[in-house]
Amino acid sequence: MNFHPENAVQYLRATLVKKGQLKAEMFLSVNDAHEAISIPNAPFGGFWIHESTSSESISFFIETLIISLKQRNVTSITAIQAPLMYCHHSDLVGYLLNSAGFEAKRILNHQFFEGKKKLKKFSLELVLKYQKKTKSLGLQVMVGNIQNFGFLKEIRSWNQYRGYVSNISESRLVQQVSSFPERYFVITIWEEGKAIAHALAVKLTSDSLYYYLSAIDPKSQSKIAGELIMVHLLKLAAEQKVSFLDLGSSDLEGQPNHSLMFFKSKFSNASENKIFWHKTI
């Protein structure tokens, strides 16, 4: 996926290969201040371990990467390590990064719904539960791949009305969708022929669905628009036969957004941390 930052001057890919097999890799962006960051602006990043690899080999990979970056005049490195749900070696990698002198500078908590069978069962229960209410309120829900980008303007307008500041680059998002149209899905809730809510989801991997962004028309009187978005995200995840739905983190100005976390807890069954590991070199 093309999560490229605007201030990047160089892109690097570090790999660990043994007997012709790719064991681990890391994608890095280097900015004009000579700071290396792993896949900035993405919901995951850091070190990816593809095969069963010893802790000694991973430590060697980390140490060699640091030496290589130092030779390129890089002054610091930030590894945004994916939650365990994405990379089963994340805890081990975190331990080894800490041992190599990295410090955890930031932690975000992602909420998930995991389990293919659980997703199918729970989403079906919720669809049946909300079906009658949705019809009685005159609401319609449409889910599908992105056909046009008009919904982005409405998301921006609704969020601006509420005073929310977005760091999402719409032009970059359009480029990503154009490159991988089959991975992106939009959920729209309609009331009396007018869109009152949108949500964007993306298959970051073949086994996962990520809740990317959403917005609800602040002038809408609907009380269940947010719940319907969650219901149909779960339904979409079940239809895509992924192993988990990532509902993302819930921060507000660097602090936990407890009300949003509580809301998501009704539609999730697990939570894991994404950790920003930093080292000056």
C-alpha atoms as a PDB file:
ATOM      1  CA  MET A   1       0.000   0.000   0.000  1.00  0.00           C
ATOM      2  CA  ASN A   2       1.273   3.508  -0.801  1.00  0.00           C
ATOM      3  CA  PHE A   3       1.341   5.258   2.580  1.00  0.00           C
ATOM      4  CA  HIS A   4       4.060   7.713   1.498  1.00  0.00           C
ATOM      5  CA  PRO A   5       4.729  10.882   3.543  1.00  0.00           C
ATOM      6  CA  GLU A   6       5.028  14.183   1.728  1.00  0.00           C
ATOM      7  CA  ASN A   7       8.421  15.096   3.250  1.00  0.00           C
ATOM      8  CA  ALA A   8      10.158  11.861   2.255  1.00  0.00           C
ATOM      9  CA  VAL A   9      13.389  12.155   0.266  1.00  0.00           C
ATOM     10  CA  GLN A  10      14.293   8.473   0.201  1.00  0.00           C
ATOM     11  CA  TYR A  11      12.570   5.089   0.488  1.00  0.00           C
ATOM     12  CA  LEU A  12      14.391   1.992   1.699  1.00  0.00           C
ATOM     13  CA  ARG A  13      13.595  -1.694   2.009  1.00  0.00           C
ATOM     14  CA  ALA A  14      15.666  -3.792   4.394  1.00  0.00           C
ATOM     15  CA  THR A  15      15.460  -7.580   4.071  1.00  0.00           C
ATOM     16  CA  LEU A  16      16.737 -10.619   5.904  1.00  0.00           C
ATOM     17  CA  VAL A  17      17.264 -13.534   3.521  1.00  0.00           C
ATOM     18  CA  LYS A  18      18.469 -17.007   4.426  1.00  0.00           C
ATOM     19  CA  LYS A  19      19.108 -19.728   1.848  1.00  0.00           C
ATOM     20  CA  GLY A  20      17.121 -17.792  -0.737  1.00  0.00           C
ATOM     21  CA  GLN A  21      14.088 -17.376   1.534  1.00  0.00           C
ATOM     22  CA  LEU A  22      12.798 -14.011   2.749  1.00  0.00           C
ATOM     23  CA  LYS A  23      12.704 -14.224   6.537  1.00  0.00           C
ATOM     24  CA  ALA A  24      12.063 -10.598   7.523  1.00  0.00           C
ATOM     25  CA  GLU A  25      11.741  -7.136   6.029  1.00  0.00           C
ATOM     26  CA  MET A  26      11.154  -3.515   6.884  1.00  0.00           C
ATOM     27  CA  PHE A  27      10.092  -0.571   4.720  1.00  0.00           C
ATOM     28  CA  LEU A  28      11.465   2.834   5.651  1.00  0.00           C
ATOM     29  CA  SER A  29      10.977   6.442   4.654  1.00  0.00           C
ATOM     30  CA  VAL A  30      13.792   8.955   5.261  1.00  0.00           C
ATOM     31  CA  ASN A  31      12.860  12.639   5.514  1.00  0.00           C
ATOM     32  CA  ASP A  32      14.951  15.756   4.881  1.00  0.00           C
ATOM     33  CA  ALA A  33      15.959  15.837   8.572  1.00  0.00           C
ATOM     34  CA  HIS A  34      17.644  12.433   8.104  1.00  0.00           C
ATOM     35  CA  GLU A  35      15.035  10.651  10.243  1.00  0.00           C
ATOM     36  CA  ALA A  36      13.970   7.148   9.205  1.00  0.00           C
ATOM     37  CA  ILE A  37      10.393   6.034   9.914  1.00  0.00           C
ATOM     38  CA  SER A  38       8.778   2.709   9.051  1.00  0.00           C
ATOM     39  CA  ILE A  39       5.726   3.121   6.800  1.00  0.00           C
ATOM     40  CA  PRO A  40       4.453   6.453   8.175  1.00  0.00           C
ATOM     41  CA  ASN A  41       0.720   7.220   7.987  1.00  0.00           C
ATOM     42  CA  ALA A  42      -0.123   3.495   7.871  1.00  0.00           C
ATOM     43  CA  PRO A  43      -2.048   1.508  10.492  1.00  0.00           C
ATOM     44  CA  PHE A  44       0.879  -0.886  10.745  1.00  0.00           C
ATOM     45  CA  GLY A  45       4.605  -0.927  10.029  1.00  0.00           C
ATOM     46  CA  GLY A  46       7.835  -1.933  11.680  1.00  0.00           C
ATOM     47  CA  PHE A  47       9.517  -5.289  11.274  1.00  0.00           C
ATOM     48  CA  TRP A  48       7.726  -8.086   9.436  1.00  0.00           C
ATOM     49  CA  ILE A  49       8.802 -11.642  10.173  1.00  0.00           C
ATOM     50  CA  HIS A  50       7.616 -13.977   7.408  1.00  0.00           C
ATOM     51  CA  GLU A  51       8.991 -17.311   8.523  1.00  0.00           C
ATOM     52  CA  SER A  52       9.990 -18.994  11.733  1.00  0.00           C
ATOM     53  CA  THR A  53      13.166 -17.088  12.530  1.00  0.00           C
ATOM     54  CA  SER A  54      15.382 -17.250  15.608  1.00  0.00           C
ATOM     55  CA  SER A  55      15.627 -14.332  18.007  1.00  0.00           C
ATOM     56  CA  GLU A  56      19.363 -14.193  17.251  1.00  0.00           C
ATOM     57  CA  SER A  57      18.652 -13.680  13.537  1.00  0.00           C
ATOM     58  CA  ILE A  58      16.132 -10.907  14.248  1.00  0.00           C
ATOM     59  CA  SER A  59      18.636  -9.172  16.558  1.00  0.00           C
ATOM     60  CA  PHE A  60      21.261  -9.435  13.807  1.00  0.00           C
ATOM     61  CA  PHE A  61      18.778  -7.870  11.361  1.00  0.00           C
ATOM     62  CA  ILE A  62      18.096  -4.951  13.736  1.00  0.00           C
ATOM     63  CA  GLU A  63      21.782  -4.331  14.453  1.00  0.00           C
ATOM     64  CA  THR A  64      22.754  -4.515  10.762  1.00  0.00           C
ATOM     65  CA  LEU A  65      19.953  -2.109   9.820  1.00  0.00           C
ATOM     66  CA  ILE A  66      21.164   0.430  12.387  1.00  0.00           C
ATOM     67  CA  ILE A  67      24.720   0.247  11.029  1.00  0.00           C
ATOM     68  CA  SER A  68      23.488   0.625   7.440  1.00  0.00           C
ATOM     69  CA  LEU A  69      21.326   3.645   8.290  1.00  0.00           C
ATOM     70  CA  LYS A  70      24.181   5.281  10.174  1.00  0.00           C
ATOM     71  CA  GLN A  71      26.346   4.922   7.077  1.00  0.00           C
ATOM     72  CA  ARG A  72      23.627   6.767   5.146  1.00  0.00           C
ATOM     73  CA  ASN A  73      23.816   9.665   7.670  1.00  0.00           C
ATOM     74  CA  VAL A  74      20.445   8.823   9.202  1.00  0.00           C
ATOM     75  CA  THR A  75      20.237  10.293  12.717  1.00  0.00           C
ATOM     76  CA  SER A  76      17.289   8.385  14.168  1.00  0.00           C
ATOM     77  CA  ILE A  77      14.949   5.511  13.442  1.00  0.00           C
ATOM     78  CA  THR A  78      11.311   4.990  14.437  1.00  0.00           C
ATOM     79  CA  ALA A  79       9.798   1.555  14.024  1.00  0.00           C
ATOM     80  CA  ILE A  80       5.994   1.591  14.162  1.00  0.00           C
ATOM     81  CA  GLN A  81       5.486  -2.009  15.200  1.00  0.00           C
ATOM     82  CA  ALA A  82       2.212  -3.618  14.129  1.00  0.00           C
ATOM     83  CA  PRO A  83      -0.210  -5.057  16.686  1.00  0.00           C
ATOM     84  CA  LEU A  84       0.229  -8.764  17.331  1.00  0.00           C
ATOM     85  CA  MET A  85      -2.886  -9.480  15.272  1.00  0.00           C
ATOM     86  CA  TYR A  86      -0.991  -8.530  12.092  1.00  0.00           C
ATOM     87  CA  CYS A  87       2.430  -9.906  12.980  1.00  0.00           C
ATOM     88  CA  HIS A  88       2.660 -12.819  15.418  1.00  0.00           C
ATOM     89  CA  HIS A  89       6.271 -11.914  16.189  1.00  0.00           C
ATOM     90  CA  SER A  90       5.536  -8.320  17.294  1.00  0.00           C
ATOM     91  CA  ASP A  91       6.019  -9.002  21.004  1.00  0.00           C
ATOM     92  CA  LEU A  92       9.361 -10.697  20.348  1.00  0.00           C
ATOM     93  CA  VAL A  93      10.421  -7.848  18.049  1.00  0.00           C
ATOM     94  CA  GLY A  94       9.469  -5.316  20.732  1.00  0.00           C
ATOM     95  CA  TYR A  95      11.557  -7.149  23.296  1.00  0.00           C
ATOM     96  CA  LEU A  96      14.550  -7.246  20.956  1.00  0.00           C
ATOM     97  CA  LEU A  97      14.164  -3.569  19.986  1.00  0.00           C
ATOM     98  CA  ASN A  98      14.144  -2.614  23.658  1.00  0.00           C
ATOM     99  CA  SER A  99      17.277  -4.717  24.175  1.00  0.00           C
ATOM    100  CA  ALA A 100      18.906  -2.863  21.259  1.00  0.00           C
ATOM    101  CA  GLY A 101      18.349   0.516  22.930  1.00  0.00           C
ATOM    102  CA  PHE A 102      15.024   1.520  21.396  1.00  0.00           C
ATOM    103  CA  GLU A 103      12.476   3.338  23.589  1.00  0.00           C
ATOM    104  CA  ALA A 104       8.699   3.126  23.353  1.00  0.00           C
ATOM    105  CA  LYS A 105       7.749   6.733  22.573  1.00  0.00           C
ATOM    106  CA  ARG A 106       4.049   6.232  21.854  1.00  0.00           C
ATOM    107  CA  ILE A 107       1.448   3.514  22.229  1.00  0.00           C
ATOM    108  CA  LEU A 108      -1.905   3.274  20.453  1.00  0.00           C
ATOM    109  CA  ASN A 109      -4.517   0.689  21.361  1.00  0.00           C
ATOM    110  CA  HIS A 110      -6.395  -0.924  18.451  1.00  0.00           C
ATOM    111  CA  GLN A 111      -9.717  -2.680  18.972  1.00  0.00           C
ATOM    112  CA  PHE A 112     -10.474  -5.783  16.911  1.00  0.00           C
ATOM    113  CA  PHE A 113     -13.110  -8.370  16.223  1.00  0.00           C
ATOM    114  CA  GLU A 114     -11.289 -11.604  15.479  1.00  0.00           C
ATOM    115  CA  GLY A 115     -12.276 -15.082  14.329  1.00  0.00           C
ATOM    116  CA  LYS A 116     -13.859 -15.993  10.976  1.00  0.00           C
ATOM    117  CA  LYS A 117     -16.628 -18.104  12.500  1.00  0.00           C
ATOM    118  CA  LYS A 118     -17.278 -15.541  15.229  1.00  0.00           C
ATOM    119  CA  LEU A 119     -17.433 -12.739  12.650  1.00  0.00           C
ATOM    120  CA  LYS A 120     -19.963 -14.624  10.563  1.00  0.00           C
ATOM    121  CA  LYS A 121     -22.167 -15.515  13.548  1.00  0.00           C
ATOM    122  CA  PHE A 122     -22.019 -12.112  15.273  1.00  0.00           C
ATOM    123  CA  SER A 123     -22.569 -10.088  12.078  1.00  0.00           C
ATOM    124  CA  LEU A 124     -25.607 -12.192  11.174  1.00  0.00           C
ATOM    125  CA  GLU A 125     -27.079 -11.671  14.641  1.00  0.00           C
ATOM    126  CA  LEU A 126     -26.556  -7.915  14.399  1.00  0.00           C
ATOM    127  CA  VAL A 127     -27.990  -7.618  10.870  1.00  0.00           C
ATOM    128  CA  LEU A 128     -31.152  -9.431  11.996  1.00  0.00           C
ATOM    129  CA  LYS A 129     -31.329  -7.277  15.133  1.00  0.00           C
ATOM    130  CA  TYR A 130     -31.082  -3.973  13.232  1.00  0.00           C
ATOM    131  CA  GLN A 131     -33.021  -4.969  10.106  1.00  0.00           C
ATOM    132  CA  LYS A 132     -36.472  -4.065  11.412  1.00  0.00           C
ATOM    133  CA  LYS A 133     -35.292  -0.851  13.073  1.00  0.00           C
ATOM    134  CA  THR A 134     -33.466   0.252   9.915  1.00  0.00           C
ATOM    135  CA  LYS A 135     -36.588  -0.255   7.797  1.00  0.00           C
ATOM    136  CA  SER A 136     -38.929   1.435  10.261  1.00  0.00           C
ATOM    137  CA  LEU A 137     -36.705   4.528  10.338  1.00  0.00           C
ATOM    138  CA  GLY A 138     -36.600   4.715   6.548  1.00  0.00           C
ATOM    139  CA  LEU A 139     -32.863   4.104   6.363  1.00  0.00           C
ATOM    140  CA  GLN A 140     -30.971   2.272   3.636  1.00  0.00           C
ATOM    141  CA  VAL A 141     -27.413   0.944   3.735  1.00  0.00           C
ATOM    142  CA  MET A 142     -25.252   0.506   0.637  1.00  0.00           C
ATOM    143  CA  VAL A 143     -21.894  -1.285   0.672  1.00  0.00           C
ATOM    144  CA  GLY A 144     -19.499  -1.761  -2.229  1.00  0.00           C
ATOM    145  CA  ASN A 145     -16.255  -0.834  -3.921  1.00  0.00           C
ATOM    146  CA  ILE A 146     -15.639   2.868  -4.547  1.00  0.00           C
ATOM    147  CA  GLN A 147     -17.207   4.153  -7.772  1.00  0.00           C
ATOM    148  CA  ASN A 148     -16.528   7.885  -7.222  1.00  0.00           C
ATOM    149  CA  PHE A 149     -14.979  10.095  -4.562  1.00  0.00           C
ATOM    150  CA  GLY A 150     -17.885  12.414  -3.805  1.00  0.00           C
ATOM    151  CA  PHE A 151     -18.236  10.880  -0.354  1.00  0.00           C
ATOM    152  CA  LEU A 152     -14.782  12.243   0.606  1.00  0.00           C
ATOM    153  CA  LYS A 153     -16.026  15.822   0.212  1.00  0.00           C
ATOM    154  CA  GLU A 154     -18.965  15.084   2.501  1.00  0.00           C
ATOM    155  CA  ILE A 155     -16.709  13.423   5.094  1.00  0.00           C
ATOM    156  CA  ARG A 156     -14.419  16.477   5.042  1.00  0.00           C
ATOM    157  CA  SER A 157     -17.356  18.889   5.311  1.00  0.00           C
ATOM    158  CA  TRP A 158     -19.060  17.006   8.160  1.00  0.00           C
ATOM    159  CA  ASN A 159     -15.831  16.663  10.130  1.00  0.00           C
ATOM    160  CA  GLN A 160     -14.965  20.337   9.648  1.00  0.00           C
ATOM    161  CA  TYR A 161     -18.420  21.272  10.921  1.00  0.00           C
ATOM    162  CA  ARG A 162     -17.687  19.304  14.102  1.00  0.00           C
ATOM    163  CA  GLY A 163     -14.260  20.920  14.430  1.00  0.00           C
ATOM    164  CA  TYR A 164     -12.287  17.752  13.690  1.00  0.00           C
ATOM    165  CA  VAL A 165      -8.866  18.116  12.107  1.00  0.00           C
ATOM    166  CA  SER A 166      -7.953  15.396   9.604  1.00  0.00           C
ATOM    167  CA  ASN A 167      -4.394  14.470   8.626  1.00  0.00           C
ATOM    168  CA  ILE A 168      -5.552  12.323   5.725  1.00  0.00           C
ATOM    169  CA  SER A 169      -4.368  13.391   2.276  1.00  0.00           C
ATOM    170  CA  GLU A 170      -7.321  12.994  -0.080  1.00  0.00           C
ATOM    171  CA  SER A 171      -5.136  13.086  -3.210  1.00  0.00           C
ATOM    172  CA  ARG A 172      -2.959  10.292  -1.815  1.00  0.00           C
ATOM    173  CA  LEU A 173      -6.039   8.282  -0.877  1.00  0.00           C
ATOM    174  CA  VAL A 174      -7.434   8.645  -4.409  1.00  0.00           C
ATOM    175  CA  GLN A 175      -4.095   7.363  -5.741  1.00  0.00           C
ATOM    176  CA  GLN A 176      -4.189   4.372  -3.398  1.00  0.00           C
ATOM    177  CA  VAL A 177      -7.746   3.480  -4.401  1.00  0.00           C
ATOM    178  CA  SER A 178      -6.813   3.786  -8.077  1.00  0.00           C
ATOM    179  CA  SER A 179      -3.876   1.412  -7.523  1.00  0.00           C
ATOM    180  CA  PHE A 180      -5.864  -1.150  -5.500  1.00  0.00           C
ATOM    181  CA  PRO A 181      -9.585  -0.602  -6.297  1.00  0.00           C
ATOM    182  CA  GLU A 182     -10.589  -4.109  -5.201  1.00  0.00           C
ATOM    183  CA  ARG A 183      -9.281  -3.508  -1.664  1.00  0.00           C
ATOM    184  CA  TYR A 184     -11.339  -0.427  -0.812  1.00  0.00           C
ATOM    185  CA  PHE A 185     -14.993  -0.382   0.258  1.00  0.00           C
ATOM    186  CA  VAL A 186     -17.375   2.413   1.132  1.00  0.00           C
ATOM    187  CA  ILE A 187     -20.424   2.070   3.391  1.00  0.00           C
ATOM    188  CA  THR A 188     -23.120   4.722   2.953  1.00  0.00           C
ATOM    189  CA  ILE A 189     -26.288   5.206   4.989  1.00  0.00           C
ATOM    190  CA  TRP A 190     -29.170   6.903   3.204  1.00  0.00           C
ATOM    191  CA  GLU A 191     -32.221   8.640   4.625  1.00  0.00           C
ATOM    192  CA  GLU A 192     -34.946   9.934   2.299  1.00  0.00           C
ATOM    193  CA  GLY A 193     -32.600   9.810  -0.682  1.00  0.00           C
ATOM    194  CA  LYS A 194     -29.819  11.711   1.085  1.00  0.00           C
ATOM    195  CA  ALA A 195     -26.521  10.334   2.392  1.00  0.00           C
ATOM    196  CA  ILE A 196     -26.201  10.861   6.153  1.00  0.00           C
ATOM    197  CA  ALA A 197     -23.076   8.785   6.886  1.00  0.00           C
ATOM    198  CA  HIS A 198     -20.067   7.284   5.140  1.00  0.00           C
ATOM    199  CA  ALA A 199     -17.355   4.863   6.233  1.00  0.00           C
ATOM    200  CA  LEU A 200     -14.273   3.694   4.363  1.00  0.00           C
ATOM    201  CA  ALA A 201     -12.703   0.259   4.890  1.00  0.00           C
ATOM    202  CA  VAL A 202      -9.655  -1.319   3.278  1.00  0.00           C
ATOM    203  CA  LYS A 203      -8.244  -4.836   3.051  1.00  0.00           C
ATOM    204  CA  LEU A 204      -4.700  -4.109   4.181  1.00  0.00           C
ATOM    205  CA  THR A 205      -3.832  -7.794   3.940  1.00  0.00           C
ATOM    206  CA  SER A 206      -5.691 -10.759   2.486  1.00  0.00           C
ATOM    207  CA  ASP A 207      -6.676 -11.731   6.027  1.00  0.00           C
ATOM    208  CA  SER A 208      -7.747  -8.381   7.496  1.00  0.00           C
ATOM    209  CA  LEU A 209     -10.178  -5.496   7.058  1.00  0.00           C
ATOM    210  CA  TYR A 210      -9.281  -2.073   8.455  1.00  0.00           C
ATOM    211  CA  TYR A 211     -11.813   0.622   9.396  1.00  0.00           C
ATOM    212  CA  TYR A 212     -10.086   3.630   7.851  1.00  0.00           C
ATOM    213  CA  LEU A 213     -12.344   6.634   8.422  1.00  0.00           C
ATOM    214  CA  SER A 214     -15.974   7.693   8.696  1.00  0.00           C
ATOM    215  CA  ALA A 215     -18.260  10.650   9.329  1.00  0.00           C
ATOM    216  CA  ILE A 216     -21.917  11.293  10.092  1.00  0.00           C
ATOM    217  CA  ASP A 217     -23.839  14.353   8.897  1.00  0.00           C
ATOM    218  CA  PRO A 218     -24.066  16.567  12.022  1.00  0.00           C
ATOM    219  CA  LYS A 219     -27.495  17.770  10.881  1.00  0.00           C
ATOM    220  CA  SER A 220     -28.891  14.237  10.788  1.00  0.00           C
ATOM    221  CA  GLN A 221     -31.301  13.250  13.562  1.00  0.00           C
ATOM    222  CA  SER A 222     -30.546   9.543  13.212  1.00  0.00           C
ATOM    223  CA  LYS A 223     -29.548   7.897  16.501  1.00  0.00           C
ATOM    224  CA  ILE A 224     -28.272   4.634  15.027  1.00  0.00           C
ATOM    225  CA  ALA A 225     -26.062   5.735  12.096  1.00  0.00           C
ATOM    226  CA  GLY A 226     -22.859   4.941  14.002  1.00  0.00           C
ATOM    227  CA  GLU A 227     -24.166   1.548  15.056  1.00  0.00           C
ATOM    228  CA  LEU A 228     -25.226   0.714  11.496  1.00  0.00           C
ATOM    229  CA  ILE A 229     -21.718   1.528  10.251  1.00  0.00           C
ATOM    230  CA  MET A 230     -20.280  -0.966  12.744  1.00  0.00           C
ATOM    231  CA  VAL A 231     -22.864  -3.627  11.901  1.00  0.00           C
ATOM    232  CA  HIS A 232     -22.090  -3.440   8.195  1.00  0.00           C
ATOM    233  CA  LEU A 233     -18.337  -3.297   8.762  1.00  0.00           C
ATOM    234  CA  LEU A 234     -18.668  -6.617  10.588  1.00  0.00           C
ATOM    235  CA  LYS A 235     -20.917  -7.984   7.819  1.00  0.00           C
ATOM    236  CA  LEU A 236     -18.390  -6.870   5.177  1.00  0.00           C
ATOM    237  CA  ALA A 237     -15.537  -8.502   7.093  1.00  0.00           C
ATOM    238  CA  ALA A 238     -17.500 -11.763   7.233  1.00  0.00           C
ATOM    239  CA  GLU A 239     -18.298 -11.588   3.496  1.00  0.00           C
ATOM    240  CA  GLN A 240     -14.627 -10.951   2.690  1.00  0.00           C
ATOM    241  CA  LYS A 241     -13.762 -14.021   4.806  1.00  0.00           C
ATOM    242  CA  VAL A 242     -11.006 -12.230   6.697  1.00  0.00           C
ATOM    243  CA  SER A 243      -9.741 -13.418  10.071  1.00  0.00           C
ATOM    244  CA  PHE A 244     -10.232 -10.066  11.798  1.00  0.00           C
ATOM    245  CA  LEU A 245     -11.676  -6.563  11.570  1.00  0.00           C
ATOM    246  CA  ASP A 246      -9.423  -3.768  12.851  1.00  0.00           C
ATOM    247  CA  LEU A 247     -11.482  -0.889  14.276  1.00  0.00           C
ATOM    248  CA  GLY A 248      -8.355   1.201  14.792  1.00  0.00           C
ATOM    249  CA  SER A 249      -7.287   3.331  17.741  1.00  0.00           C
ATOM    250  CA  SER A 250      -9.388   5.883  19.642  1.00  0.00           C
ATOM    251  CA  ASP A 251      -7.258   8.869  20.573  1.00  0.00           C
ATOM    252  CA  LEU A 252      -8.345  12.469  21.009  1.00  0.00           C
ATOM    253  CA  GLU A 253      -5.494  14.999  21.104  1.00  0.00           C
ATOM    254  CA  GLY A 254      -3.093  12.361  22.375  1.00  0.00           C
ATOM    255  CA  GLN A 255      -5.392  11.064  25.100  1.00  0.00           C
ATOM    256  CA  PRO A 256      -7.719   8.021  25.223  1.00  0.00           C
ATOM    257  CA  ASN A 257     -11.168   8.784  23.837  1.00  0.00           C
ATOM    258  CA  HIS A 258     -13.002   6.689  26.410  1.00  0.00           C
ATOM    259  CA  SER A 259     -16.489   7.213  24.971  1.00  0.00           C
ATOM    260  CA  LEU A 260     -15.367   6.034  21.519  1.00  0.00           C
ATOM    261  CA  MET A 261     -13.500   3.084  23.034  1.00  0.00           C
ATOM    262  CA  PHE A 262     -16.645   2.092  24.935  1.00  0.00           C
ATOM    263  CA  PHE A 263     -18.719   2.364  21.750  1.00  0.00           C
ATOM    264  CA  LYS A 264     -16.276   0.177  19.807  1.00  0.00           C
ATOM    265  CA  SER A 265     -16.168  -2.347  22.658  1.00  0.00           C
ATOM    266  CA  LYS A 266     -19.755  -3.324  21.761  1.00  0.00           C
ATOM    267  CA  PHE A 267     -18.505  -4.436  18.337  1.00  0.00           C
ATOM    268  CA  SER A 268     -15.087  -5.890  19.229  1.00  0.00           C
ATOM    269  CA  ASN A 269     -13.718  -8.841  21.186  1.00  0.00           C
ATOM    270  CA  ALA A 270      -9.996  -8.024  21.457  1.00  0.00           C
ATOM    271  CA  SER A 271      -7.535  -5.146  21.755  1.00  0.00           C
ATOM    272  CA  GLU A 272      -3.805  -4.900  21.094  1.00  0.00           C
ATOM    273  CA  ASN A 273      -1.169  -2.177  21.081  1.00  0.00           C
ATOM    274  CA  LYS A 274       0.721  -0.573  18.233  1.00  0.00           C
ATOM    275  CA  ILE A 275       4.026   0.714  19.609  1.00  0.00           C
ATOM    276  CA  PHE A 276       6.283   3.458  18.231  1.00  0.00           C
ATOM    277  CA  TRP A 277       9.857   2.380  18.991  1.00  0.00           C
ATOM    278  CA  HIS A 278      12.519   5.115  18.652  1.00  0.00           C
ATOM    279  CA  LYS A 279      16.307   5.190  18.718  1.00  0.00           C
ATOM    280  CA  THR A 280      18.818   7.971  18.088  1.00  0.00           C
ATOM    281  CA  ILE A 281      21.772   6.586  16.150  1.00  0.00           C
END
